[in-house]
N, C-alpha and C. Protein backbone atom coordinates (compact mmCIF):
# COMPACT_ATOMS: atom_id res chain seq x y z
N UNK A 1 -74.73 -16.69 1.25
CA UNK A 1 -74.53 -17.00 0.14
C UNK A 1 -74.56 -18.77 0.12
N UNK A 2 -75.27 -19.71 -0.64
CA UNK A 2 -75.45 -20.52 -0.39
C UNK A 2 -74.32 -21.46 -0.76
N UNK A 3 -74.26 -23.01 -0.52
CA UNK A 3 -73.29 -23.89 -0.57
C UNK A 3 -72.54 -23.89 -1.56
N UNK A 4 -73.46 -24.33 -2.88
CA UNK A 4 -73.17 -24.48 -3.98
C UNK A 4 -72.46 -23.25 -4.58
N UNK A 5 -73.09 -22.20 -4.54
CA UNK A 5 -72.46 -20.58 -5.20
C UNK A 5 -71.22 -20.51 -4.44
N UNK A 6 -71.09 -20.89 -3.04
CA UNK A 6 -69.47 -20.29 -2.38
C UNK A 6 -68.85 -21.35 -3.20
N UNK A 7 -69.23 -22.59 -3.31
CA UNK A 7 -67.72 -23.36 -3.98
C UNK A 7 -67.59 -22.79 -5.61
N UNK A 8 -68.71 -22.35 -6.07
CA UNK A 8 -68.52 -21.98 -7.23
C UNK A 8 -67.86 -20.67 -7.68
N UNK A 9 -68.20 -19.69 -6.74
CA UNK A 9 -67.28 -18.50 -6.51
C UNK A 9 -66.27 -18.99 -6.41
N UNK A 10 -65.52 -19.41 -5.56
CA UNK A 10 -64.20 -19.93 -4.97
C UNK A 10 -63.57 -20.24 -6.17
N UNK A 11 -63.92 -20.99 -7.24
CA UNK A 11 -63.44 -21.74 -8.33
C UNK A 11 -63.25 -20.61 -8.97
N UNK A 12 -64.04 -19.63 -9.64
CA UNK A 12 -63.88 -18.37 -10.49
C UNK A 12 -62.98 -17.45 -9.87
N UNK A 13 -62.96 -17.27 -8.47
CA UNK A 13 -61.93 -16.54 -8.03
C UNK A 13 -60.73 -17.10 -8.10
N UNK A 14 -60.55 -18.67 -7.69
CA UNK A 14 -59.32 -19.21 -8.41
C UNK A 14 -58.69 -18.85 -9.25
N UNK A 15 -59.49 -19.01 -10.48
CA UNK A 15 -59.05 -18.83 -11.93
C UNK A 15 -58.54 -17.48 -12.08
N UNK A 16 -59.46 -16.07 -11.52
CA UNK A 16 -58.80 -15.29 -11.51
C UNK A 16 -57.52 -15.02 -11.32
N UNK A 17 -57.28 -15.46 -9.88
CA UNK A 17 -56.00 -15.26 -9.06
C UNK A 17 -54.70 -15.98 -10.26
N UNK A 18 -55.43 -17.14 -11.14
CA UNK A 18 -54.22 -17.81 -11.60
C UNK A 18 -54.00 -17.26 -13.01
N UNK A 19 -54.97 -16.24 -13.47
CA UNK A 19 -54.81 -15.64 -14.90
C UNK A 19 -54.10 -14.45 -14.57
N UNK A 20 -54.17 -13.65 -13.21
CA UNK A 20 -53.36 -12.37 -12.63
C UNK A 20 -52.03 -12.83 -12.75
N UNK A 21 -51.73 -14.07 -12.13
CA UNK A 21 -50.49 -14.47 -11.76
C UNK A 21 -49.72 -14.66 -13.07
N UNK A 22 -50.47 -15.16 -13.60
CA UNK A 22 -49.87 -15.64 -15.43
C UNK A 22 -49.24 -14.72 -15.92
N UNK A 23 -50.21 -13.34 -15.91
CA UNK A 23 -49.95 -12.25 -16.42
C UNK A 23 -48.59 -11.59 -15.87
N UNK A 24 -48.42 -11.84 -14.57
CA UNK A 24 -47.67 -11.43 -13.61
C UNK A 24 -46.24 -11.70 -13.86
N UNK A 25 -46.07 -13.25 -14.28
CA UNK A 25 -45.29 -13.95 -14.93
C UNK A 25 -44.58 -13.49 -16.10
N UNK A 26 -45.37 -13.41 -16.78
CA UNK A 26 -45.20 -12.90 -18.36
C UNK A 26 -44.73 -11.30 -18.27
N UNK A 27 -45.09 -10.27 -17.41
CA UNK A 27 -44.62 -9.16 -17.03
C UNK A 27 -43.31 -9.17 -16.86
N UNK A 28 -43.07 -10.07 -15.87
CA UNK A 28 -41.72 -10.13 -14.97
C UNK A 28 -40.68 -10.49 -16.32
N UNK A 29 -40.99 -11.59 -16.83
CA UNK A 29 -40.25 -11.85 -18.00
C UNK A 29 -39.44 -11.04 -18.81
N UNK A 30 -40.62 -10.08 -19.48
CA UNK A 30 -40.33 -8.94 -19.90
C UNK A 30 -39.44 -7.96 -19.40
N UNK A 31 -39.85 -7.96 -18.01
CA UNK A 31 -38.94 -6.88 -17.36
C UNK A 31 -37.19 -7.42 -17.26
N UNK A 32 -37.12 -8.69 -17.03
CA UNK A 32 -35.87 -8.85 -16.80
C UNK A 32 -35.61 -9.11 -18.21
N UNK A 33 -35.76 -8.76 -19.22
CA UNK A 33 -34.93 -8.53 -20.70
C UNK A 33 -35.00 -7.02 -20.86
N UNK A 34 -35.48 -5.97 -19.78
CA UNK A 34 -35.12 -4.50 -20.25
C UNK A 34 -36.07 -3.91 -21.41
N UNK A 35 -37.25 -5.11 -21.43
CA UNK A 35 -38.19 -4.59 -22.81
C UNK A 35 -38.66 -3.41 -22.64
N UNK A 36 -38.53 -2.53 -23.81
CA UNK A 36 -39.09 -1.09 -23.92
C UNK A 36 -40.25 -1.11 -24.71
N UNK A 37 -41.31 -0.58 -24.39
CA UNK A 37 -42.83 -1.14 -25.52
C UNK A 37 -42.31 0.48 -26.23
N UNK A 38 -41.76 1.29 -26.13
CA UNK A 38 -41.84 2.72 -26.91
C UNK A 38 -40.49 2.14 -28.08
N UNK A 39 -39.55 1.86 -28.07
CA UNK A 39 -38.80 0.85 -29.08
C UNK A 39 -39.08 -0.22 -29.41
N UNK A 40 -40.03 -0.92 -28.91
CA UNK A 40 -40.38 -2.15 -29.48
C UNK A 40 -41.94 -2.08 -29.58
N UNK A 41 -42.65 -3.34 -29.98
CA UNK A 41 -44.12 -3.60 -29.88
C UNK A 41 -44.69 -2.97 -28.64
N UNK A 42 -45.54 -2.16 -28.43
CA UNK A 42 -46.45 -1.58 -29.49
C UNK A 42 -46.00 -0.05 -29.89
N UNK A 43 -44.87 0.13 -29.71
CA UNK A 43 -44.08 1.20 -30.29
C UNK A 43 -44.62 2.47 -29.59
N UNK A 44 -45.22 2.47 -28.43
CA UNK A 44 -45.91 3.49 -27.51
C UNK A 44 -45.24 3.40 -26.16
N UNK A 45 -45.33 4.40 -25.42
CA UNK A 45 -45.10 4.62 -24.25
C UNK A 45 -46.23 4.50 -23.28
N UNK A 46 -46.11 3.58 -22.21
CA UNK A 46 -46.87 3.09 -21.36
C UNK A 46 -47.41 4.07 -20.45
N UNK A 47 -48.68 4.27 -20.06
CA UNK A 47 -48.95 5.03 -19.06
C UNK A 47 -48.15 5.22 -17.60
N UNK A 48 -47.39 4.08 -17.39
CA UNK A 48 -46.91 3.93 -16.15
C UNK A 48 -45.44 2.78 -16.68
N UNK A 49 -44.38 2.81 -15.87
CA UNK A 49 -43.00 1.82 -16.12
C UNK A 49 -43.93 0.46 -16.02
N UNK A 50 -43.25 -0.16 -16.99
CA UNK A 50 -43.95 -1.92 -17.14
C UNK A 50 -43.62 -2.42 -15.86
N UNK A 51 -42.43 -2.33 -14.94
CA UNK A 51 -41.72 -2.80 -13.54
C UNK A 51 -42.90 -2.31 -12.83
N UNK A 52 -43.43 -1.00 -12.53
CA UNK A 52 -44.40 -0.48 -11.44
C UNK A 52 -46.23 -1.08 -11.89
N UNK A 53 -45.61 -1.69 -13.20
CA UNK A 53 -47.73 -2.42 -13.68
C UNK A 53 -47.22 -3.58 -13.13
N UNK A 54 -46.31 -4.36 -13.33
CA UNK A 54 -45.94 -5.72 -12.83
C UNK A 54 -46.46 -5.56 -11.10
N UNK A 55 -45.38 -4.90 -10.48
CA UNK A 55 -45.84 -4.93 -9.18
C UNK A 55 -47.13 -4.81 -8.86
N UNK A 56 -47.88 -3.80 -9.22
CA UNK A 56 -49.32 -3.45 -9.31
C UNK A 56 -50.40 -4.71 -9.10
N UNK A 57 -49.89 -5.50 -10.11
CA UNK A 57 -50.55 -6.30 -10.51
C UNK A 57 -50.56 -7.62 -9.55
N UNK A 58 -49.08 -8.08 -9.12
CA UNK A 58 -48.43 -8.52 -8.42
C UNK A 58 -49.82 -8.49 -6.88
N UNK A 59 -49.57 -7.27 -6.67
CA UNK A 59 -50.21 -7.03 -5.32
C UNK A 59 -51.71 -7.56 -5.42
N UNK A 60 -52.54 -7.18 -6.70
CA UNK A 60 -54.09 -7.59 -6.93
C UNK A 60 -54.18 -8.73 -7.07
N UNK A 61 -53.19 -9.66 -7.49
CA UNK A 61 -52.97 -11.14 -7.42
C UNK A 61 -53.19 -11.90 -6.52
N UNK A 62 -52.21 -11.69 -5.45
CA UNK A 62 -52.27 -11.97 -4.21
C UNK A 62 -53.21 -11.36 -3.52
N UNK A 63 -54.12 -10.39 -3.52
CA UNK A 63 -55.49 -10.12 -2.65
C UNK A 63 -56.42 -10.92 -3.44
N UNK A 64 -56.42 -11.16 -4.73
CA UNK A 64 -57.55 -12.09 -5.24
C UNK A 64 -57.30 -13.71 -4.59
N UNK A 65 -56.34 -14.10 -4.51
CA UNK A 65 -55.64 -15.08 -4.24
C UNK A 65 -55.99 -15.61 -2.56
N UNK A 66 -56.22 -14.51 -2.01
CA UNK A 66 -56.43 -15.12 -0.74
C UNK A 66 -58.00 -14.80 -0.31
N UNK A 67 -58.97 -14.24 -1.28
CA UNK A 67 -59.92 -14.71 -1.02
C UNK A 67 -60.36 -16.09 -1.39
N UNK A 68 -59.62 -16.46 -2.52
CA UNK A 68 -59.98 -17.89 -3.35
C UNK A 68 -60.28 -19.04 -2.05
N UNK A 69 -59.40 -19.16 -1.14
CA UNK A 69 -59.58 -20.52 0.15
C UNK A 69 -60.76 -19.49 0.50
N UNK A 70 -60.57 -18.45 0.82
CA UNK A 70 -61.50 -17.74 2.25
C UNK A 70 -63.01 -17.93 1.84
N UNK A 71 -63.08 -17.48 0.73
CA UNK A 71 -64.81 -18.34 0.66
C UNK A 71 -65.24 -19.51 0.86
N UNK A 72 -64.66 -20.74 0.63
CA UNK A 72 -64.86 -21.53 1.26
C UNK A 72 -65.48 -21.63 2.59
N UNK A 73 -64.99 -20.93 3.30
CA UNK A 73 -65.24 -20.86 4.99
C UNK A 73 -66.88 -20.10 5.42
N UNK A 74 -67.64 -20.03 3.81
CA UNK A 74 -68.94 -19.46 3.63
C UNK A 74 -69.90 -20.79 3.32
N UNK A 75 -69.07 -21.78 2.98
CA UNK A 75 -69.61 -23.06 2.67
C UNK A 75 -69.95 -23.97 3.89
N UNK A 76 -71.28 -24.82 3.75
CA UNK A 76 -71.56 -25.21 4.98
C UNK A 76 -71.32 -27.14 4.59
N UNK A 77 -70.90 -27.16 3.16
CA UNK A 77 -70.76 -28.44 2.56
C UNK A 77 -69.42 -28.41 2.39
N UNK A 78 -68.66 -27.63 2.12
CA UNK A 78 -67.42 -27.73 1.44
C UNK A 78 -66.82 -28.05 3.23
N UNK A 79 -67.01 -27.47 4.67
CA UNK A 79 -66.59 -27.54 5.62
C UNK A 79 -65.24 -27.55 6.13
N UNK A 80 -64.73 -26.42 5.26
CA UNK A 80 -63.41 -25.68 5.63
C UNK A 80 -63.35 -24.93 6.85
N UNK A 81 -62.37 -25.40 7.35
CA UNK A 81 -62.07 -24.36 9.06
C UNK A 81 -61.07 -23.32 8.17
N UNK A 82 -60.64 -22.27 9.42
CA UNK A 82 -59.39 -21.67 9.02
C UNK A 82 -58.32 -22.43 9.01
N UNK A 83 -57.97 -23.14 10.21
CA UNK A 83 -57.03 -23.79 9.76
C UNK A 83 -56.57 -24.80 8.61
N UNK A 84 -57.84 -24.89 7.93
CA UNK A 84 -58.06 -25.86 6.69
C UNK A 84 -57.33 -24.82 5.32
N UNK A 85 -57.30 -23.48 5.56
CA UNK A 85 -57.31 -22.88 4.74
C UNK A 85 -55.63 -22.05 5.00
N UNK A 86 -55.25 -22.26 5.95
CA UNK A 86 -53.73 -21.89 6.13
C UNK A 86 -53.09 -22.91 5.67
N UNK A 87 -53.45 -24.17 6.63
CA UNK A 87 -52.54 -25.33 6.48
C UNK A 87 -53.51 -26.47 6.26
N UNK A 88 -53.82 -26.61 5.15
CA UNK A 88 -54.79 -27.62 4.44
C UNK A 88 -54.41 -29.44 4.43
N UNK A 89 -53.26 -29.33 5.36
CA UNK A 89 -52.63 -30.67 5.14
C UNK A 89 -53.68 -31.66 6.09
N UNK A 90 -54.75 -31.66 6.85
CA UNK A 90 -56.02 -32.30 7.08
C UNK A 90 -57.26 -31.71 6.72
N UNK A 91 -57.21 -31.15 5.31
CA UNK A 91 -58.64 -30.64 4.69
C UNK A 91 -59.47 -31.36 4.39
N UNK A 92 -60.89 -31.19 4.35
CA UNK A 92 -61.78 -32.21 4.26
C UNK A 92 -61.35 -32.54 2.58
N UNK A 93 -60.96 -33.78 2.21
CA UNK A 93 -60.93 -34.03 0.81
C UNK A 93 -59.90 -33.23 -0.04
N UNK A 94 -59.19 -34.15 -0.97
CA UNK A 94 -58.08 -33.59 -2.02
C UNK A 94 -57.31 -32.89 -1.22
N UNK A 95 -56.64 -33.61 0.11
CA UNK A 95 -55.81 -32.67 1.08
C UNK A 95 -54.48 -32.23 -0.17
N UNK A 96 -54.12 -33.47 -0.83
CA UNK A 96 -52.41 -33.26 -1.58
C UNK A 96 -52.91 -31.74 -2.90
N UNK A 97 -53.94 -32.10 -3.13
CA UNK A 97 -54.40 -30.60 -4.41
C UNK A 97 -54.43 -29.53 -3.42
N UNK A 98 -55.25 -29.21 -2.51
CA UNK A 98 -55.17 -28.29 -1.47
C UNK A 98 -54.10 -27.88 -1.02
N UNK A 99 -53.08 -28.97 -0.58
CA UNK A 99 -51.57 -28.25 0.07
C UNK A 99 -50.83 -27.43 -1.05
N UNK A 100 -50.88 -27.97 -2.99
CA UNK A 100 -50.35 -27.83 -3.56
C UNK A 100 -50.90 -26.32 -3.87
N UNK A 101 -52.28 -26.04 -3.82
CA UNK A 101 -52.88 -24.61 -3.39
C UNK A 101 -52.28 -24.02 -2.50
N UNK A 102 -51.93 -24.03 -1.52
CA UNK A 102 -51.19 -23.16 -0.37
C UNK A 102 -49.82 -23.10 -0.41
N UNK A 103 -49.42 -24.10 -1.00
CA UNK A 103 -47.81 -24.16 -1.29
C UNK A 103 -47.65 -22.65 -2.34
N UNK A 104 -48.48 -22.61 -3.53
CA UNK A 104 -48.69 -21.71 -4.17
C UNK A 104 -48.82 -20.36 -3.88
N UNK A 105 -49.69 -20.18 -2.88
CA UNK A 105 -49.86 -18.93 -2.52
C UNK A 105 -48.88 -18.48 -1.41
N UNK A 106 -48.11 -19.71 -0.75
CA UNK A 106 -47.29 -19.04 0.06
C UNK A 106 -45.99 -18.59 -0.73
N UNK A 107 -45.68 -19.52 -1.96
CA UNK A 107 -44.67 -19.02 -2.59
C UNK A 107 -44.68 -17.93 -3.14
N UNK A 108 -45.81 -17.83 -3.97
CA UNK A 108 -46.18 -16.04 -4.85
C UNK A 108 -45.77 -14.42 -3.56
N UNK A 109 -46.53 -15.47 -2.26
CA UNK A 109 -46.64 -14.30 -1.25
C UNK A 109 -44.80 -14.10 -0.82
N UNK A 110 -44.05 -15.23 -0.87
CA UNK A 110 -42.76 -14.75 -0.24
C UNK A 110 -42.28 -14.27 -1.45
N UNK A 111 -42.32 -14.32 -2.31
CA UNK A 111 -41.80 -13.71 -4.00
C UNK A 111 -42.24 -11.94 -3.86
N UNK A 112 -43.91 -11.56 -3.69
CA UNK A 112 -44.30 -10.34 -3.58
C UNK A 112 -43.16 -9.65 -2.32
N UNK A 113 -43.52 -10.40 -1.11
CA UNK A 113 -42.63 -9.82 -0.06
C UNK A 113 -41.10 -9.53 -0.25
N UNK A 114 -40.14 -10.38 -0.82
CA UNK A 114 -38.96 -10.19 -0.95
C UNK A 114 -38.70 -9.03 -2.24
N UNK A 115 -39.67 -9.11 -2.90
CA UNK A 115 -39.57 -7.42 -4.13
C UNK A 115 -39.98 -6.24 -3.24
N UNK A 116 -40.60 -6.28 -2.48
CA UNK A 116 -41.12 -5.09 -1.40
C UNK A 116 -39.93 -4.83 -1.10
N UNK A 117 -38.81 -5.87 -0.42
CA UNK A 117 -37.68 -5.56 0.46
C UNK A 117 -36.49 -5.45 -0.18
N UNK A 118 -36.77 -5.36 -1.84
CA UNK A 118 -35.57 -5.37 -3.03
C UNK A 118 -34.59 -4.40 -2.45
N UNK A 119 -34.84 -3.34 -2.36
CA UNK A 119 -33.46 -2.24 -2.42
C UNK A 119 -32.91 -2.27 -0.99
N UNK A 120 -33.51 -3.11 0.02
CA UNK A 120 -32.58 -3.59 1.06
C UNK A 120 -32.09 -4.60 0.98
N UNK A 121 -32.22 -5.76 0.09
CA UNK A 121 -31.80 -7.05 -0.06
C UNK A 121 -30.66 -6.85 -0.95
N UNK A 122 -30.78 -5.99 -1.97
CA UNK A 122 -29.72 -5.74 -3.06
C UNK A 122 -29.97 -7.07 -4.19
N UNK A 123 -29.67 -6.23 -5.28
CA UNK A 123 -30.26 -6.92 -6.69
C UNK A 123 -29.82 -8.54 -6.77
N UNK A 124 -28.71 -8.83 -6.67
CA UNK A 124 -28.51 -10.23 -6.79
C UNK A 124 -28.99 -11.11 -5.79
N UNK A 125 -29.36 -11.31 -4.43
CA UNK A 125 -29.76 -12.05 -3.61
C UNK A 125 -31.37 -12.08 -4.01
N UNK A 126 -32.10 -10.87 -4.25
CA UNK A 126 -33.34 -10.72 -4.56
C UNK A 126 -33.76 -11.19 -6.03
N UNK A 127 -33.10 -11.36 -6.73
CA UNK A 127 -32.79 -12.38 -8.17
C UNK A 127 -32.94 -13.67 -7.79
N UNK A 128 -32.05 -14.15 -6.96
CA UNK A 128 -31.89 -15.86 -6.51
C UNK A 128 -33.26 -16.07 -5.95
N UNK A 129 -33.55 -14.95 -4.71
CA UNK A 129 -35.00 -15.62 -4.09
C UNK A 129 -36.18 -15.54 -5.13
N UNK A 130 -36.62 -14.40 -6.20
CA UNK A 130 -37.51 -14.23 -7.32
C UNK A 130 -37.72 -15.45 -8.07
N UNK A 131 -36.30 -16.36 -7.92
CA UNK A 131 -36.85 -17.78 -8.70
C UNK A 131 -38.11 -18.45 -8.21
N UNK A 132 -38.09 -18.63 -6.71
CA UNK A 132 -39.33 -18.73 -6.41
C UNK A 132 -40.41 -19.10 -7.05
N UNK A 133 -40.66 -17.71 -8.13
CA UNK A 133 -41.91 -17.96 -8.91
C UNK A 133 -41.76 -18.82 -9.62
N UNK A 134 -41.16 -19.38 -10.10
CA UNK A 134 -41.29 -20.71 -10.91
C UNK A 134 -41.80 -21.83 -10.16
N UNK A 135 -41.35 -22.03 -8.98
CA UNK A 135 -41.76 -23.49 -8.16
C UNK A 135 -43.44 -22.90 -8.00
N UNK A 136 -43.77 -21.68 -7.29
CA UNK A 136 -44.95 -21.31 -7.19
C UNK A 136 -45.80 -21.50 -8.43
N UNK A 137 -45.33 -21.15 -9.59
CA UNK A 137 -46.04 -21.14 -10.98
C UNK A 137 -46.32 -22.63 -10.73
N UNK A 138 -45.35 -23.33 -10.87
CA UNK A 138 -45.42 -25.06 -11.02
C UNK A 138 -46.91 -25.79 -10.15
N UNK A 139 -46.34 -25.53 -8.94
CA UNK A 139 -47.64 -25.91 -8.07
C UNK A 139 -49.09 -25.55 -8.45
N UNK A 140 -48.86 -24.41 -8.87
CA UNK A 140 -50.15 -23.69 -9.29
C UNK A 140 -50.98 -24.17 -10.45
N UNK A 141 -50.19 -24.62 -11.42
CA UNK A 141 -50.61 -25.33 -12.81
C UNK A 141 -51.11 -26.42 -12.00
N UNK A 142 -50.28 -27.49 -11.21
CA UNK A 142 -50.69 -28.85 -10.99
C UNK A 142 -52.22 -28.40 -10.08
N UNK A 143 -51.93 -27.83 -8.91
CA UNK A 143 -53.46 -27.77 -8.28
C UNK A 143 -54.39 -27.37 -8.88
N UNK A 144 -54.32 -26.56 -9.82
CA UNK A 144 -55.44 -25.89 -11.03
C UNK A 144 -55.92 -27.11 -12.03
N UNK A 145 -54.91 -28.10 -12.23
CA UNK A 145 -55.28 -28.68 -13.28
C UNK A 145 -55.98 -30.33 -12.79
N UNK A 146 -55.56 -30.66 -11.60
CA UNK A 146 -55.98 -32.06 -10.95
C UNK A 146 -57.09 -31.72 -9.81
N UNK A 147 -57.39 -30.17 -9.14
CA UNK A 147 -58.28 -30.59 -8.72
C UNK A 147 -59.50 -30.56 -8.64
N UNK A 148 -60.38 -30.86 -8.09
CA UNK A 148 -61.92 -31.12 -8.77
C UNK A 148 -62.52 -29.52 -8.29
N UNK A 149 -62.69 -28.86 -9.21
CA UNK A 149 -63.16 -27.16 -8.61
C UNK A 149 -64.56 -27.88 -8.19
N UNK A 150 -65.24 -28.74 -8.04
CA UNK A 150 -66.33 -28.85 -7.44
C UNK A 150 -66.80 -29.53 -5.59
N UNK A 151 -65.14 -29.59 -5.71
CA UNK A 151 -64.66 -30.32 -4.38
C UNK A 151 -65.46 -31.39 -4.25
N UNK A 152 -65.68 -32.67 -4.92
CA UNK A 152 -66.32 -33.87 -4.81
C UNK A 152 -65.23 -35.11 -4.88
N UNK A 153 -64.20 -34.37 -5.48
CA UNK A 153 -63.21 -35.54 -5.39
C UNK A 153 -62.87 -36.34 -6.88
N UNK A 154 -63.78 -35.63 -7.61
CA UNK A 154 -63.92 -36.57 -9.07
C UNK A 154 -62.78 -36.50 -9.63
N UNK A 155 -62.44 -37.25 -10.94
CA UNK A 155 -61.16 -37.10 -11.60
C UNK A 155 -61.66 -35.83 -12.36
N UNK A 156 -60.13 -35.32 -12.53
CA UNK A 156 -60.53 -34.20 -13.65
C UNK A 156 -60.78 -34.50 -15.14
N UNK A 157 -61.54 -33.69 -15.55
CA UNK A 157 -62.08 -33.57 -17.26
C UNK A 157 -60.88 -32.79 -17.83
N UNK A 158 -60.05 -33.07 -18.51
CA UNK A 158 -59.09 -32.02 -19.08
C UNK A 158 -59.39 -31.36 -19.98
N UNK A 159 -60.54 -31.65 -20.67
CA UNK A 159 -61.24 -30.71 -21.88
C UNK A 159 -62.40 -29.96 -21.55
N UNK A 160 -62.76 -29.88 -20.21
CA UNK A 160 -63.30 -29.19 -19.24
C UNK A 160 -62.71 -27.80 -19.48
N UNK A 161 -63.90 -26.42 -19.56
CA UNK A 161 -63.42 -25.07 -19.95
C UNK A 161 -62.30 -24.72 -19.05
N UNK A 162 -62.74 -24.92 -17.53
CA UNK A 162 -62.21 -24.24 -16.56
C UNK A 162 -60.52 -24.82 -16.55
N UNK A 163 -60.73 -26.13 -16.96
CA UNK A 163 -59.06 -26.94 -17.41
C UNK A 163 -58.35 -26.42 -18.32
N UNK A 164 -59.24 -26.20 -19.28
CA UNK A 164 -58.50 -25.65 -20.44
C UNK A 164 -57.75 -24.24 -20.26
N UNK A 165 -58.41 -23.48 -19.66
CA UNK A 165 -58.23 -22.15 -19.52
C UNK A 165 -56.55 -22.43 -18.73
N UNK A 166 -56.42 -23.09 -17.49
CA UNK A 166 -55.46 -23.52 -16.92
C UNK A 166 -53.99 -24.05 -17.47
N UNK A 167 -54.58 -24.98 -18.58
CA UNK A 167 -53.30 -25.80 -19.35
C UNK A 167 -53.27 -24.62 -20.12
N UNK A 168 -54.15 -23.70 -21.27
CA UNK A 168 -53.47 -22.94 -21.66
C UNK A 168 -52.51 -21.71 -20.98
N UNK A 169 -52.88 -21.10 -20.17
CA UNK A 169 -51.90 -20.75 -19.27
C UNK A 169 -50.37 -20.97 -18.64
N UNK A 170 -50.56 -22.57 -18.70
CA UNK A 170 -49.23 -23.38 -18.21
C UNK A 170 -48.49 -23.22 -19.62
N UNK A 171 -49.18 -23.22 -20.59
CA UNK A 171 -48.45 -23.49 -21.95
C UNK A 171 -47.76 -22.31 -22.39
N UNK A 172 -48.53 -21.28 -22.01
CA UNK A 172 -48.07 -19.69 -22.36
C UNK A 172 -46.60 -19.40 -21.53
N UNK A 173 -47.01 -19.91 -20.31
CA UNK A 173 -45.85 -19.67 -19.45
C UNK A 173 -44.66 -20.32 -19.52
N UNK A 174 -44.53 -21.38 -20.15
CA UNK A 174 -43.65 -22.47 -20.75
C UNK A 174 -42.89 -21.85 -21.89
N UNK A 175 -43.96 -21.44 -22.86
CA UNK A 175 -43.05 -20.98 -24.11
C UNK A 175 -42.70 -19.21 -23.62
N UNK A 176 -43.20 -19.16 -22.79
CA UNK A 176 -42.38 -17.49 -22.71
C UNK A 176 -41.19 -17.80 -21.79
N UNK A 177 -40.96 -18.59 -20.89
CA UNK A 177 -40.06 -18.70 -20.26
C UNK A 177 -38.72 -19.63 -20.96
N UNK A 178 -39.15 -20.33 -22.37
CA UNK A 178 -38.17 -20.67 -23.10
C UNK A 178 -37.78 -19.90 -24.06
N UNK A 179 -38.76 -18.62 -24.52
CA UNK A 179 -38.35 -17.83 -24.95
C UNK A 179 -37.39 -16.76 -24.49
N UNK A 180 -37.49 -16.70 -23.08
CA UNK A 180 -36.59 -16.09 -21.70
C UNK A 180 -35.35 -16.49 -21.85
N UNK A 181 -35.25 -17.86 -21.70
CA UNK A 181 -34.19 -18.44 -21.67
C UNK A 181 -33.33 -18.39 -22.94
N UNK A 182 -33.75 -18.23 -24.20
CA UNK A 182 -33.14 -18.33 -25.36
C UNK A 182 -32.68 -17.39 -25.60
N UNK A 183 -32.97 -15.71 -24.79
CA UNK A 183 -32.33 -14.73 -25.05
C UNK A 183 -31.12 -14.22 -24.09
N UNK A 184 -31.20 -15.78 -23.45
CA UNK A 184 -29.77 -15.39 -22.41
C UNK A 184 -29.87 -14.00 -21.52
N UNK A 185 -28.75 -14.16 -20.46
CA UNK A 185 -28.80 -13.20 -19.44
C UNK A 185 -28.44 -11.91 -20.57
N UNK A 186 -28.58 -10.82 -19.75
CA UNK A 186 -28.08 -9.35 -20.08
C UNK A 186 -26.14 -9.41 -20.41
N UNK A 187 -25.79 -9.82 -19.51
CA UNK A 187 -24.36 -10.24 -20.05
C UNK A 187 -23.95 -10.67 -21.29
N UNK A 188 -24.64 -11.96 -21.43
CA UNK A 188 -24.50 -12.31 -22.39
C UNK A 188 -25.24 -11.56 -24.00
N UNK A 189 -26.19 -11.08 -23.86
CA UNK A 189 -26.87 -10.26 -24.92
C UNK A 189 -25.56 -9.26 -25.15
N UNK A 190 -25.35 -8.39 -24.08
CA UNK A 190 -24.39 -7.41 -24.49
C UNK A 190 -23.18 -7.90 -25.12
N UNK A 191 -22.61 -9.05 -24.70
CA UNK A 191 -21.38 -9.51 -25.60
C UNK A 191 -21.54 -10.19 -26.73
N UNK A 192 -22.96 -10.44 -27.45
CA UNK A 192 -23.20 -10.60 -28.50
C UNK A 192 -23.56 -9.67 -29.29
N UNK A 193 -23.83 -8.60 -28.87
CA UNK A 193 -24.13 -7.35 -29.86
C UNK A 193 -22.79 -6.66 -30.05
N UNK A 194 -21.82 -6.92 -28.96
CA UNK A 194 -20.51 -6.43 -29.14
C UNK A 194 -19.59 -6.85 -30.18
N UNK A 195 -20.05 -8.67 -30.26
CA UNK A 195 -19.23 -9.25 -30.82
C UNK A 195 -19.62 -8.92 -32.73
N UNK A 196 -21.11 -8.95 -32.73
CA UNK A 196 -21.65 -8.02 -34.10
C UNK A 196 -21.41 -6.63 -34.67
N UNK A 197 -20.80 -5.94 -33.84
CA UNK A 197 -20.47 -4.86 -33.91
C UNK A 197 -19.13 -5.02 -34.58
N UNK A 198 -18.31 -5.55 -33.59
CA UNK A 198 -16.71 -5.51 -34.24
C UNK A 198 -17.09 -6.60 -35.86
N UNK A 199 -17.69 -7.26 -35.61
CA UNK A 199 -18.00 -8.14 -37.34
C UNK A 199 -18.50 -7.18 -38.35
N UNK A 200 -19.28 -6.17 -38.20
CA UNK A 200 -19.56 -5.53 -38.78
C UNK A 200 -18.58 -4.17 -39.39
């Protein structure tokens, strides 16, 4: 793989990981509302439970996320070493944005690992730890928006196709998070439904 194509492929793989992680956040928000596709849109049963799809997609997203920086090791011009991939505090160029990318990966990796041990952790402790996904999403969108995908340290072009994709994913996650917040907790929804039943 030549130098330019290694950087380009890494950028595409990074965008793919971001889209998969965005989908996982959206599915997680649906799962948290006890969304039932058989009763709600699309009014048909999924081939697998949404929670299981959410978990599988999370594992796939993390596998793709591992490839994103690892591909840079094949580039002679990027000059990334294994340490720069694992802890890019002294990586060649754009150190801050590379570090945000690493924080994104470790944040989501923490979420995936704690989800795997959810039965042992218990629901409430796991749920609190799961909020790390919001921190990881924030660093992911900042990393994706501000970093130069060509690794040349140039200022970001916010109207570039790749940046528009990042910005679009950010807007979707913010909108979905506001929708989820407005729905309230399960306890609040139950109380509202109970009160509506008494009023009727």
